[in-house]
Protein backbone atom coordinates (compact mmCIF):
# COMPACT_ATOMS: atom_id res chain seq x y z
CA MET A 1 76.30 50.19 -49.56
CA LYS A 2 76.77 50.63 -53.31
CA GLY A 3 73.22 49.47 -53.92
CA ILE A 4 71.82 52.03 -51.50
CA LEU A 5 73.90 54.83 -53.03
CA LYS A 6 72.75 53.82 -56.50
CA LYS A 7 69.13 54.08 -55.40
CA LEU A 8 69.93 57.54 -54.03
CA ASN A 9 71.62 58.53 -57.33
CA ILE A 10 74.93 59.14 -55.54
CA LYS A 11 77.88 58.15 -57.71
CA GLU A 12 80.63 58.71 -55.17
CA VAL A 13 81.29 59.81 -51.61
CA ASN A 14 84.30 62.03 -51.02
CA ALA A 15 84.04 65.71 -50.12
CA GLY A 16 82.31 66.65 -46.90
CA ALA A 17 81.44 70.29 -47.56
CA CYS A 18 78.83 71.54 -49.98
CA SER A 19 76.80 74.59 -50.87
CA GLY A 20 74.89 75.59 -53.94
CA GLN A 21 73.77 73.40 -56.80
CA GLY A 22 76.05 70.48 -56.07
CA ALA A 23 79.24 72.50 -55.53
CA TRP A 24 81.20 70.03 -53.43
CA TYR A 25 84.35 71.67 -52.09
CA GLU A 26 87.50 69.59 -51.96
CA ASP A 27 90.59 70.60 -50.04
CA PRO A 28 93.83 68.61 -50.20
CA GLU A 29 94.47 69.57 -46.59
CA GLY A 30 91.20 67.99 -45.44
CA LYS A 31 91.56 64.93 -43.23
CA GLU A 32 89.76 61.65 -43.85
CA LEU A 33 86.78 60.61 -41.77
CA VAL A 34 85.81 56.94 -41.89
CA SER A 35 82.19 55.90 -41.38
CA TYR A 36 81.80 52.47 -39.80
CA ASP A 37 78.94 49.99 -39.83
CA PRO A 38 78.14 49.56 -36.12
CA SER A 39 76.80 46.04 -36.77
CA SER A 40 80.00 44.65 -38.24
CA GLY A 41 82.58 47.24 -37.29
CA GLU A 42 83.63 47.35 -40.93
CA PRO A 43 84.32 50.67 -42.69
CA ILE A 44 81.60 51.82 -45.07
CA ALA A 45 83.18 54.83 -46.77
CA LYS A 46 85.65 57.67 -46.30
CA VAL A 47 84.83 61.38 -46.36
CA ILE A 48 87.22 64.31 -46.60
CA GLN A 49 86.35 66.70 -43.80
CA ALA A 50 85.93 70.44 -44.13
CA THR A 51 88.89 72.62 -43.26
CA ASP A 52 88.84 76.26 -42.18
CA LYS A 53 89.10 77.16 -45.86
CA THR A 54 86.14 75.09 -47.02
CA TYR A 55 84.11 76.11 -43.98
CA GLU A 56 84.61 79.73 -44.97
CA GLN A 57 83.41 79.00 -48.50
CA VAL A 58 80.25 77.36 -47.20
CA ILE A 59 79.45 80.15 -44.75
CA LYS A 60 79.96 82.87 -47.32
CA GLN A 61 77.60 81.12 -49.72
CA ALA A 62 74.93 80.67 -47.04
CA VAL A 63 75.14 84.33 -45.97
CA HIS A 64 75.04 85.52 -49.58
CA ALA A 65 72.06 83.31 -50.43
CA PHE A 66 70.13 84.62 -47.41
CA LYS A 67 70.04 88.13 -48.86
CA THR A 68 67.95 86.91 -51.80
CA TRP A 69 66.07 84.11 -50.06
CA ARG A 70 64.66 86.39 -47.35
CA MET A 71 63.01 88.54 -50.04
CA THR A 72 61.33 85.54 -51.66
CA PRO A 73 57.65 85.49 -50.62
CA ALA A 74 57.08 82.95 -47.86
CA PRO A 75 54.54 80.89 -49.87
CA LYS A 76 57.13 80.65 -52.67
CA ARG A 77 59.66 79.43 -50.13
CA GLY A 78 57.07 76.89 -49.06
CA GLN A 79 56.97 75.49 -52.57
CA VAL A 80 60.69 74.68 -52.34
CA VAL A 81 60.13 72.90 -49.02
CA ARG A 82 57.16 71.06 -50.57
CA ASP A 83 59.41 69.76 -53.35
CA LEU A 84 62.02 68.72 -50.76
CA GLY A 85 59.33 66.68 -49.03
CA GLN A 86 58.34 65.11 -52.35
CA ALA A 87 61.96 64.21 -53.10
CA LEU A 88 62.25 62.59 -49.69
CA ARG A 89 59.15 60.53 -50.48
CA GLU A 90 60.87 59.24 -53.61
CA TYR A 91 64.00 58.24 -51.68
CA LYS A 92 62.32 57.20 -48.44
CA GLU A 93 63.32 53.53 -48.54
CA PRO A 94 67.01 53.81 -49.55
CA LEU A 95 67.62 56.83 -47.31
CA GLY A 96 66.03 55.00 -44.39
CA GLU A 97 68.21 51.98 -45.13
CA LEU A 98 71.30 54.19 -45.17
CA VAL A 99 70.32 55.51 -41.73
CA THR A 100 70.11 51.89 -40.53
CA LEU A 101 73.41 50.93 -42.13
CA GLU A 102 75.35 53.83 -40.67
CA MET A 103 73.62 54.43 -37.32
CA GLY A 104 72.40 50.93 -36.41
CA LYS A 105 68.71 51.50 -35.66
CA ILE A 106 66.40 48.87 -37.12
CA ARG A 107 65.15 49.37 -40.67
CA ALA A 108 61.59 50.23 -39.59
CA GLU A 109 62.97 53.05 -37.45
CA GLY A 110 65.33 54.23 -40.17
CA VAL A 111 62.51 54.49 -42.70
CA GLY A 112 60.31 56.03 -40.00
CA GLU A 113 62.90 58.73 -39.46
CA VAL A 114 62.68 59.71 -43.12
CA GLN A 115 58.89 59.80 -42.79
CA GLU A 116 59.42 62.27 -39.97
CA MET A 117 61.38 64.45 -42.40
CA ILE A 118 58.49 64.27 -44.86
CA ASP A 119 56.01 65.18 -42.13
CA ILE A 120 57.96 68.27 -41.07
CA CYS A 121 58.20 69.41 -44.70
CA ASP A 122 54.41 69.15 -44.95
CA PHE A 123 54.09 71.12 -41.73
CA ALA A 124 56.49 73.81 -42.95
CA VAL A 125 54.63 74.19 -46.26
CA GLY A 126 51.46 75.13 -44.40
CA LEU A 127 53.47 77.30 -42.04
CA SER A 128 54.79 79.35 -44.97
CA ARG A 129 51.30 80.87 -45.34
CA GLN A 130 50.76 81.69 -41.67
CA LEU A 131 53.84 83.42 -40.29
CA TYR A 132 51.55 85.68 -38.35
CA GLY A 133 52.03 88.73 -36.14
CA LEU A 134 49.64 90.38 -33.71
CA ALA A 135 47.78 93.68 -34.03
CA MET A 136 47.59 95.75 -30.81
CA HIS A 137 45.47 98.76 -29.91
CA SER A 138 47.49 101.93 -29.42
CA GLU A 139 46.75 104.33 -26.55
CA ARG A 140 47.48 107.21 -28.93
CA PRO A 141 44.76 108.44 -31.29
CA ALA A 142 45.12 107.59 -34.98
CA HIS A 143 48.00 105.21 -34.36
CA ARG A 144 48.22 101.56 -35.38
CA MET A 145 50.44 99.05 -33.60
CA PHE A 146 51.35 95.61 -34.85
CA GLU A 147 54.20 93.14 -34.87
CA GLN A 148 55.84 91.26 -37.69
CA TRP A 149 58.48 88.56 -37.94
CA HIS A 150 61.62 88.75 -40.08
CA PRO A 151 64.10 86.02 -41.03
CA LEU A 152 67.21 85.80 -38.86
CA GLY A 153 69.93 84.87 -41.35
CA ALA A 154 72.12 81.82 -41.88
CA ILE A 155 71.31 79.25 -39.19
CA GLY A 156 73.84 76.76 -37.81
CA VAL A 157 72.54 73.23 -37.17
CA ILE A 158 74.71 70.79 -35.22
CA SER A 159 73.02 67.40 -35.02
CA ALA A 160 73.67 64.12 -33.18
CA PHE A 161 74.17 60.56 -34.41
CA ASN A 162 70.98 59.05 -33.04
CA PHE A 163 68.64 60.90 -35.41
CA PRO A 164 71.10 61.65 -38.20
CA VAL A 165 68.58 63.19 -40.61
CA ALA A 166 65.28 63.97 -38.86
CA VAL A 167 66.57 66.58 -36.42
CA TRP A 168 68.26 68.46 -39.27
CA SER A 169 64.91 68.55 -41.10
CA TRP A 170 63.10 69.92 -38.03
CA ASN A 171 65.40 72.92 -38.27
CA ALA A 172 66.07 73.21 -42.00
CA ALA A 173 62.50 72.86 -43.28
CA ILE A 174 61.08 75.41 -40.87
CA ALA A 175 64.06 77.76 -41.23
CA ALA A 176 63.66 77.66 -45.01
CA ALA A 177 59.97 78.51 -44.76
CA CYS A 178 60.89 81.39 -42.44
CA GLY A 179 63.39 82.76 -44.97
CA ASP A 180 66.63 81.52 -43.39
CA THR A 181 69.43 79.49 -44.93
CA THR A 182 71.12 76.67 -42.99
CA VAL A 183 74.63 75.36 -42.48
CA TRP A 184 74.62 71.78 -41.18
CA LYS A 185 77.35 70.04 -39.20
CA PRO A 186 76.26 66.42 -38.73
CA SER A 187 77.72 63.96 -36.24
CA SER A 188 81.07 62.52 -37.23
CA ASP A 189 79.56 59.08 -36.58
CA THR A 190 76.97 59.53 -39.35
CA PRO A 191 78.39 61.64 -42.20
CA LEU A 192 77.05 59.53 -45.07
CA THR A 193 73.39 60.12 -44.32
CA ALA A 194 74.10 63.86 -44.30
CA ILE A 195 75.80 63.62 -47.68
CA ALA A 196 72.83 61.72 -49.08
CA VAL A 197 70.41 64.38 -47.81
CA GLN A 198 72.59 67.14 -49.27
CA HIS A 199 72.47 65.46 -52.68
CA ILE A 200 68.67 65.48 -52.47
CA CYS A 201 68.70 69.14 -51.42
CA ASN A 202 71.02 70.01 -54.29
CA ALA A 203 68.63 68.53 -56.81
CA VAL A 204 65.67 70.43 -55.34
CA MET A 205 67.59 73.71 -55.27
CA ALA A 206 68.70 73.19 -58.88
CA ASP A 207 65.10 72.63 -59.97
CA HIS A 208 64.23 76.07 -58.55
CA GLY A 209 67.36 77.85 -59.77
CA LEU A 210 68.59 78.32 -56.20
CA GLN A 211 71.86 77.83 -54.39
CA GLY A 212 73.09 78.11 -50.83
CA ILE A 213 69.74 77.52 -49.07
CA PHE A 214 70.81 74.16 -47.63
CA ASN A 215 74.54 73.79 -46.91
CA LEU A 216 76.76 71.11 -45.38
CA ALA A 217 80.09 71.14 -43.54
CA ILE A 218 81.28 67.80 -42.17
CA GLY A 219 84.13 67.99 -39.71
CA ARG A 220 85.39 67.58 -36.18
CA GLY A 221 83.74 69.56 -33.45
CA ALA A 222 87.08 71.14 -32.59
CA VAL A 223 87.26 72.54 -36.13
CA VAL A 224 83.84 73.04 -37.72
CA GLY A 225 81.83 73.03 -34.50
CA GLU A 226 84.00 75.63 -32.79
CA ARG A 227 83.97 77.83 -35.87
CA MET A 228 80.18 77.69 -35.99
CA ILE A 229 79.45 78.49 -32.36
CA ASN A 230 81.84 81.44 -32.43
CA ASP A 231 80.80 82.76 -35.85
CA GLU A 232 78.84 86.01 -35.59
CA ARG A 233 77.48 85.40 -39.08
CA LEU A 234 75.34 82.62 -37.60
CA PRO A 235 72.78 84.40 -35.40
CA LEU A 236 71.27 81.11 -34.23
CA ILE A 237 72.86 77.76 -33.38
CA SER A 238 70.58 74.76 -32.99
CA PHE A 239 72.54 72.11 -31.09
CA THR A 240 71.56 68.55 -30.27
CA GLY A 241 73.89 66.58 -28.04
CA SER A 242 75.08 66.08 -24.49
CA THR A 243 74.44 68.48 -21.64
CA GLN A 244 78.20 68.89 -21.21
CA MET A 245 78.67 70.04 -24.80
CA GLY A 246 75.47 72.06 -24.62
CA ARG A 247 76.99 74.18 -21.85
CA ARG A 248 79.98 74.86 -24.06
CA VAL A 249 77.76 75.85 -26.99
CA SER A 250 75.48 77.99 -24.82
CA GLU A 251 78.35 79.92 -23.27
CA ALA A 252 80.13 80.54 -26.57
CA VAL A 253 77.03 81.70 -28.43
CA ALA A 254 75.78 83.83 -25.53
CA ARG A 255 79.15 85.55 -25.33
CA ARG A 256 78.54 86.99 -28.80
CA PHE A 257 74.83 87.64 -28.03
CA GLY A 258 73.68 84.95 -30.43
CA ARG A 259 70.70 82.65 -29.91
CA THR A 260 70.61 78.94 -29.23
CA ILE A 261 68.10 76.13 -29.50
CA LEU A 262 69.43 73.42 -27.20
CA GLU A 263 68.19 69.82 -27.21
CA LEU A 264 70.39 68.14 -24.62
CA GLY A 265 70.17 65.19 -22.25
CA GLY A 266 67.04 63.29 -21.35
CA ASN A 267 66.54 60.96 -18.39
CA ASN A 268 62.96 60.05 -19.00
CA ALA A 269 60.68 58.22 -16.60
CA ILE A 270 57.32 56.49 -16.69
CA ILE A 271 55.24 56.38 -13.52
CA VAL A 272 53.10 53.24 -13.39
CA ALA A 273 50.21 53.68 -10.96
CA GLY A 274 48.52 50.86 -9.10
CA ASP A 275 45.44 51.21 -11.32
CA ALA A 276 47.39 51.23 -14.60
CA ASP A 277 46.64 49.02 -17.59
CA LEU A 278 49.77 46.89 -17.25
CA GLU A 279 49.53 45.34 -20.71
CA MET A 280 49.64 48.81 -22.29
CA ALA A 281 52.40 49.89 -19.92
CA VAL A 282 54.64 46.92 -20.75
CA ARG A 283 54.30 47.40 -24.50
CA THR A 284 55.12 51.07 -24.12
CA ILE A 285 58.08 50.46 -21.82
CA LEU A 286 59.52 47.90 -24.22
CA PHE A 287 59.48 50.32 -27.16
CA GLY A 288 60.68 53.26 -25.08
CA ALA A 289 63.59 51.45 -23.44
CA VAL A 290 64.69 49.03 -26.18
CA GLY A 291 63.92 51.00 -29.34
CA THR A 292 67.04 52.43 -31.04
CA ALA A 293 68.98 50.38 -28.45
CA GLY A 294 68.20 53.02 -25.82
CA GLN A 295 69.95 55.72 -27.84
CA ARG A 296 67.11 58.21 -28.16
CA CYS A 297 67.07 61.40 -26.13
CA THR A 298 63.49 60.36 -25.32
CA SER A 299 64.34 56.76 -24.41
CA THR A 300 62.65 55.45 -21.29
CA ARG A 301 65.35 55.10 -18.63
CA ARG A 302 63.42 54.96 -15.36
CA ILE A 303 60.27 53.16 -14.24
CA ILE A 304 58.68 54.39 -11.02
CA VAL A 305 56.07 51.76 -10.16
CA HIS A 306 53.54 51.51 -7.34
CA LYS A 307 54.46 48.80 -4.84
CA SER A 308 51.13 47.04 -5.26
CA VAL A 309 51.89 46.14 -8.89
CA ALA A 310 55.69 46.21 -8.86
CA LYS A 311 56.22 42.45 -8.94
CA GLU A 312 53.65 41.81 -11.66
CA LEU A 313 54.97 44.62 -13.84
CA THR A 314 58.56 43.49 -13.33
CA ASP A 315 57.74 39.91 -14.29
CA ARG A 316 55.92 41.08 -17.41
CA ILE A 317 58.75 43.36 -18.51
CA ILE A 318 61.34 40.61 -18.05
CA LYS A 319 59.21 38.23 -20.13
CA ALA A 320 58.92 40.87 -22.85
CA TYR A 321 62.68 41.52 -22.80
CA GLU A 322 63.39 37.82 -23.21
CA GLN A 323 61.51 37.88 -26.51
CA VAL A 324 63.46 40.78 -28.02
CA LYS A 325 65.30 39.71 -31.16
CA ILE A 326 68.73 41.32 -31.27
CA GLY A 327 70.83 41.29 -34.40
CA ASN A 328 71.31 42.75 -37.86
CA PRO A 329 69.09 45.85 -37.93
CA MET A 330 68.44 45.39 -41.65
CA GLU A 331 66.81 41.99 -41.11
CA GLU A 332 63.05 41.77 -40.72
CA GLY A 333 61.95 40.89 -37.20
CA THR A 334 64.97 42.43 -35.46
CA LEU A 335 63.88 44.72 -32.63
CA MET A 336 67.26 45.94 -31.43
CA GLY A 337 70.51 46.58 -33.26
CA PRO A 338 73.96 47.55 -31.99
CA LEU A 339 75.19 50.53 -30.04
CA VAL A 340 76.77 53.17 -32.23
CA THR A 341 80.37 52.77 -31.00
CA GLN A 342 82.48 50.53 -28.79
CA ALA A 343 82.85 53.48 -26.43
CA ALA A 344 79.09 53.40 -25.92
CA VAL A 345 79.35 49.75 -24.91
CA GLU A 346 82.06 50.58 -22.38
CA ASP A 347 79.93 53.41 -20.97
CA MET A 348 77.03 51.01 -20.51
CA MET A 349 79.12 48.41 -18.70
CA ALA A 350 80.64 51.08 -16.46
CA ALA A 351 77.17 52.38 -15.57
CA LEU A 352 76.00 48.87 -14.66
CA GLU A 353 79.02 48.38 -12.41
CA THR A 354 78.28 51.69 -10.68
CA ALA A 355 74.62 50.71 -10.27
CA ARG A 356 75.68 47.48 -8.54
CA GLU A 357 77.99 49.42 -6.23
CA GLN A 358 75.07 51.69 -5.32
CA GLY A 359 72.82 48.78 -4.35
CA GLY A 360 71.27 47.97 -7.71
CA GLU A 361 70.42 44.43 -8.81
CA VAL A 362 70.61 43.46 -12.48
CA ILE A 363 67.52 41.31 -12.93
CA CYS A 364 67.62 40.96 -16.71
CA GLY A 365 70.37 41.27 -19.33
CA GLY A 366 73.56 43.13 -18.62
CA HIS A 367 75.90 41.24 -20.93
CA ARG A 368 77.77 41.89 -24.14
CA LEU A 369 76.73 39.80 -27.15
CA GLU A 370 80.12 39.50 -28.81
CA ASP A 371 78.99 36.54 -30.92
CA LEU A 372 76.82 39.04 -32.80
CA GLY A 373 79.44 41.78 -32.89
CA GLU A 374 81.51 43.95 -30.61
CA GLN A 375 78.81 46.60 -30.27
CA PHE A 376 75.85 44.37 -29.43
CA VAL A 377 74.54 44.18 -25.87
CA GLU A 378 71.56 42.82 -24.02
CA PRO A 379 68.86 45.29 -23.00
CA THR A 380 69.16 45.48 -19.25
CA ILE A 381 66.82 45.95 -16.29
CA VAL A 382 68.24 47.07 -12.95
CA LYS A 383 66.18 47.14 -9.76
CA MET A 384 67.28 50.11 -7.69
CA PRO A 385 66.59 50.59 -3.97
CA SER A 386 66.18 54.36 -4.34
CA GLN A 387 66.97 57.34 -6.52
CA THR A 388 70.76 56.95 -6.31
CA LYS A 389 73.38 59.03 -8.09
CA ILE A 390 73.65 56.71 -11.11
CA VAL A 391 69.92 57.06 -11.73
CA HIS A 392 70.39 60.82 -11.98
CA ASN A 393 72.88 60.31 -14.81
CA GLU A 394 71.86 59.61 -18.39
CA THR A 395 73.61 56.63 -19.97
CA PHE A 396 72.95 56.46 -23.71
CA ALA A 397 72.29 52.72 -23.74
CA PRO A 398 69.44 50.23 -23.12
CA ILE A 399 69.49 50.36 -19.31
CA LEU A 400 66.16 50.55 -17.50
CA TYR A 401 66.07 51.36 -13.78
CA LEU A 402 63.10 50.13 -11.72
CA MET A 403 62.08 51.90 -8.50
CA GLU A 404 59.01 51.59 -6.28
CA TYR A 405 56.77 54.20 -4.67
CA GLU A 406 53.85 54.31 -2.21
CA ASP A 407 51.88 57.46 -3.11
CA VAL A 408 51.67 59.76 -6.12
CA GLU A 409 53.44 62.62 -4.35
CA GLU A 410 56.46 60.38 -3.79
CA ALA A 411 56.33 59.22 -7.40
CA ILE A 412 56.36 62.78 -8.73
CA ARG A 413 59.17 63.73 -6.36
CA LEU A 414 61.30 60.80 -7.59
CA HIS A 415 60.39 61.68 -11.15
CA ASN A 416 61.46 65.34 -10.84
CA GLU A 417 64.63 64.83 -8.80
CA VAL A 418 66.85 64.27 -11.83
CA PRO A 419 68.56 67.29 -13.45
CA GLN A 420 67.16 66.56 -16.93
CA GLY A 421 63.63 67.44 -18.02
CA LEU A 422 62.79 66.25 -21.52
CA SER A 423 60.00 63.66 -21.71
CA SER A 424 57.78 61.97 -19.14
CA ALA A 425 54.72 59.76 -18.87
CA ILE A 426 52.28 58.22 -16.43
CA PHE A 427 50.09 55.17 -16.79
CA THR A 428 46.87 55.43 -14.81
CA THR A 429 43.13 55.02 -15.28
CA ASN A 430 42.42 57.58 -12.56
CA LEU A 431 41.56 61.01 -13.96
CA LEU A 432 42.62 62.79 -10.78
CA THR A 433 46.07 61.16 -10.83
CA ALA A 434 46.53 61.96 -14.52
CA GLU A 435 45.60 65.60 -14.06
CA LYS A 436 47.88 65.93 -11.04
CA PHE A 437 50.77 64.64 -13.16
CA LEU A 438 50.02 67.29 -15.81
CA SER A 439 49.48 70.11 -13.30
CA HIS A 440 51.88 72.76 -12.02
CA GLU A 441 52.97 70.41 -9.23
CA GLY A 442 53.37 67.44 -11.56
CA SER A 443 55.95 66.61 -14.24
CA ASP A 444 58.62 69.27 -14.73
CA CYS A 445 59.44 68.10 -18.26
CA GLY A 446 58.85 69.78 -21.59
CA ILE A 447 56.80 66.74 -22.68
CA ALA A 448 54.32 65.01 -20.37
CA ASN A 449 52.07 62.16 -21.53
CA VAL A 450 49.29 60.04 -20.08
CA ASN A 451 48.96 56.39 -21.10
CA ILE A 452 51.54 56.67 -23.85
CA GLY A 453 55.31 56.50 -23.56
CA THR A 454 58.19 58.96 -23.54
CA SER A 455 59.24 58.26 -27.14
CA GLY A 456 57.54 58.85 -30.45
CA ALA A 457 56.72 62.56 -30.33
CA GLU A 458 54.68 63.88 -33.26
CA ILE A 459 56.01 66.82 -35.26
CA GLY A 460 52.87 68.90 -34.64
CA GLY A 461 53.90 69.67 -31.06
CA ALA A 462 56.92 71.68 -29.98
CA PHE A 463 59.73 69.30 -29.02
CA GLY A 464 62.14 70.09 -26.21
CA GLY A 465 62.69 70.08 -22.48
CA GLU A 466 63.57 72.01 -19.35
CA LYS A 467 66.43 72.12 -16.83
CA GLU A 468 69.59 70.49 -18.20
CA THR A 469 67.75 69.52 -21.36
CA GLY A 470 68.35 73.12 -22.39
CA GLY A 471 64.95 74.73 -22.80
CA GLY A 472 64.97 74.61 -26.60
CA ARG A 473 61.93 73.96 -28.77
CA GLU A 474 61.93 72.55 -32.29
CA SER A 475 59.44 71.15 -34.77
CA GLY A 476 55.76 72.06 -34.33
CA SER A 477 53.48 74.54 -32.56
CA ASP A 478 55.05 78.02 -32.63
CA ALA A 479 58.66 76.79 -32.56
CA TRP A 480 59.07 78.66 -35.86
CA LYS A 481 59.44 81.88 -33.88
CA GLY A 482 62.89 80.72 -32.80
CA TYR A 483 64.10 81.13 -36.38
CA MET A 484 62.83 84.69 -36.79
CA ARG A 485 63.18 88.07 -35.14
CA ARG A 486 60.18 89.96 -33.78
CA GLN A 487 59.65 93.58 -34.72
CA THR A 488 57.04 95.88 -33.18
CA ASN A 489 55.73 98.58 -35.54
CA THR A 490 53.70 101.72 -34.89
CA ILE A 491 52.21 103.84 -37.66
CA ASN A 492 50.93 107.34 -37.00
CA TRP A 493 48.26 108.22 -39.56
CA SER A 494 47.36 111.56 -37.95
CA LYS A 495 48.94 115.01 -38.15
CA GLU A 496 49.57 115.08 -34.40
CA LEU A 497 52.53 113.74 -32.36
CA PRO A 498 51.12 112.55 -29.01
CA LEU A 499 53.53 110.70 -26.72
CA ALA A 500 52.79 107.48 -24.90
CA GLN A 501 51.84 107.54 -21.21
CA GLY A 502 50.41 111.04 -21.73
CA ILE A 503 53.85 112.66 -21.48
CA LYS A 504 54.06 116.33 -22.46
CA PHE A 505 57.41 117.48 -23.79
CA GLY A 506 57.77 121.11 -24.80
CA ASP A 507 55.02 123.22 -26.34
């Protein structure tokens, strides 16, 4: 831990609230939060959480900074984001290792998550020169109509443990290019990675003579989270987490007429057609279901396979699972680390018991690996007779449900029956089947892929889903519009005052 912090130029870890050029707020009334290594269960470090007092200091700084930041030309704002991306390049390895240490994903994925931050900074730099609006033709003579986009204000970002730094960057980099400031509440399971990122942000802001653009408030959801979702000074809340908590956030923010970007549950499926390339399918399924120990919102949780290839595919997946190296996520060659908490292990075991009660058969895995540590488990395959209730639920663990189908209409019906709608995929070499899956009567998810898996979305496309996934969009495409407000403008450059729709009013 000390070696990683030294590489990140962090001398100590204590306060959990920061704004400005390294102004870390300490409050004697703040309660300690302990970050644990999920591999060993040992404590890594302690952080003093934000109180109402320190939260208020952070918010005031973010709101104050917005008034100046919004007037900075967008390309100039892009230069700050560019330098943030460069700083992340310099600290890519140690920051990625800190992600692995604190969250438990393997080192390659931890470093890859930082690369995702770098990629979104690059995207946002280009975006800073193309925050475009439309020009429209007016029905009135000598009138010009157009639209423009203005920054919203201070943006609240509440992120989850599974991507402790990347999801923040999706929001913060684009919001900064748009002229917004951000206040970040990270997961209480991963506070140290947030502190490390804030230190990097502080250095970048200091280089540009700025403060309050990127801000941090670590604390319990009941304290910091509740304050954020009910704070009218935060016109937008971007929330990543469970559907249950997403409902709470949505209701609270809507009550004050604020906006939300919701990235909630995923229960992602891959349809494997009878004509699929099974070698490609197995490799994809393995990464999608086992990667990050099944703790991605885009993790593959259901396989809907044609009966003609069900046995062969099942045998191949089991063989692949048997070769998965489970252990210390920092060690080279490890493919799966621990679950983030012991509670996650208990949730997994409870889900497997429910699956058995509903007619499921565990055909691979299903056990704890306590010789490795209390939070290590085997990736598990469960053969299900049908789309039962447990299959409709998302369990944040490496459980893969296998179901069979006879025709593509049945496959799509099984696929769409779940309440979540984030990511989806089909493996087929038939163009007609692929296009049907992507059509209006196909996948109902926000992401639909052909011959690639449900995980590993690129930052160039808008990320998000439908139904109980929340409908939010982050990252690429035109997701930037969520961080700005649209304004329609009309200029009359004549000496007349004609009304729209040909209305005559008075002489």
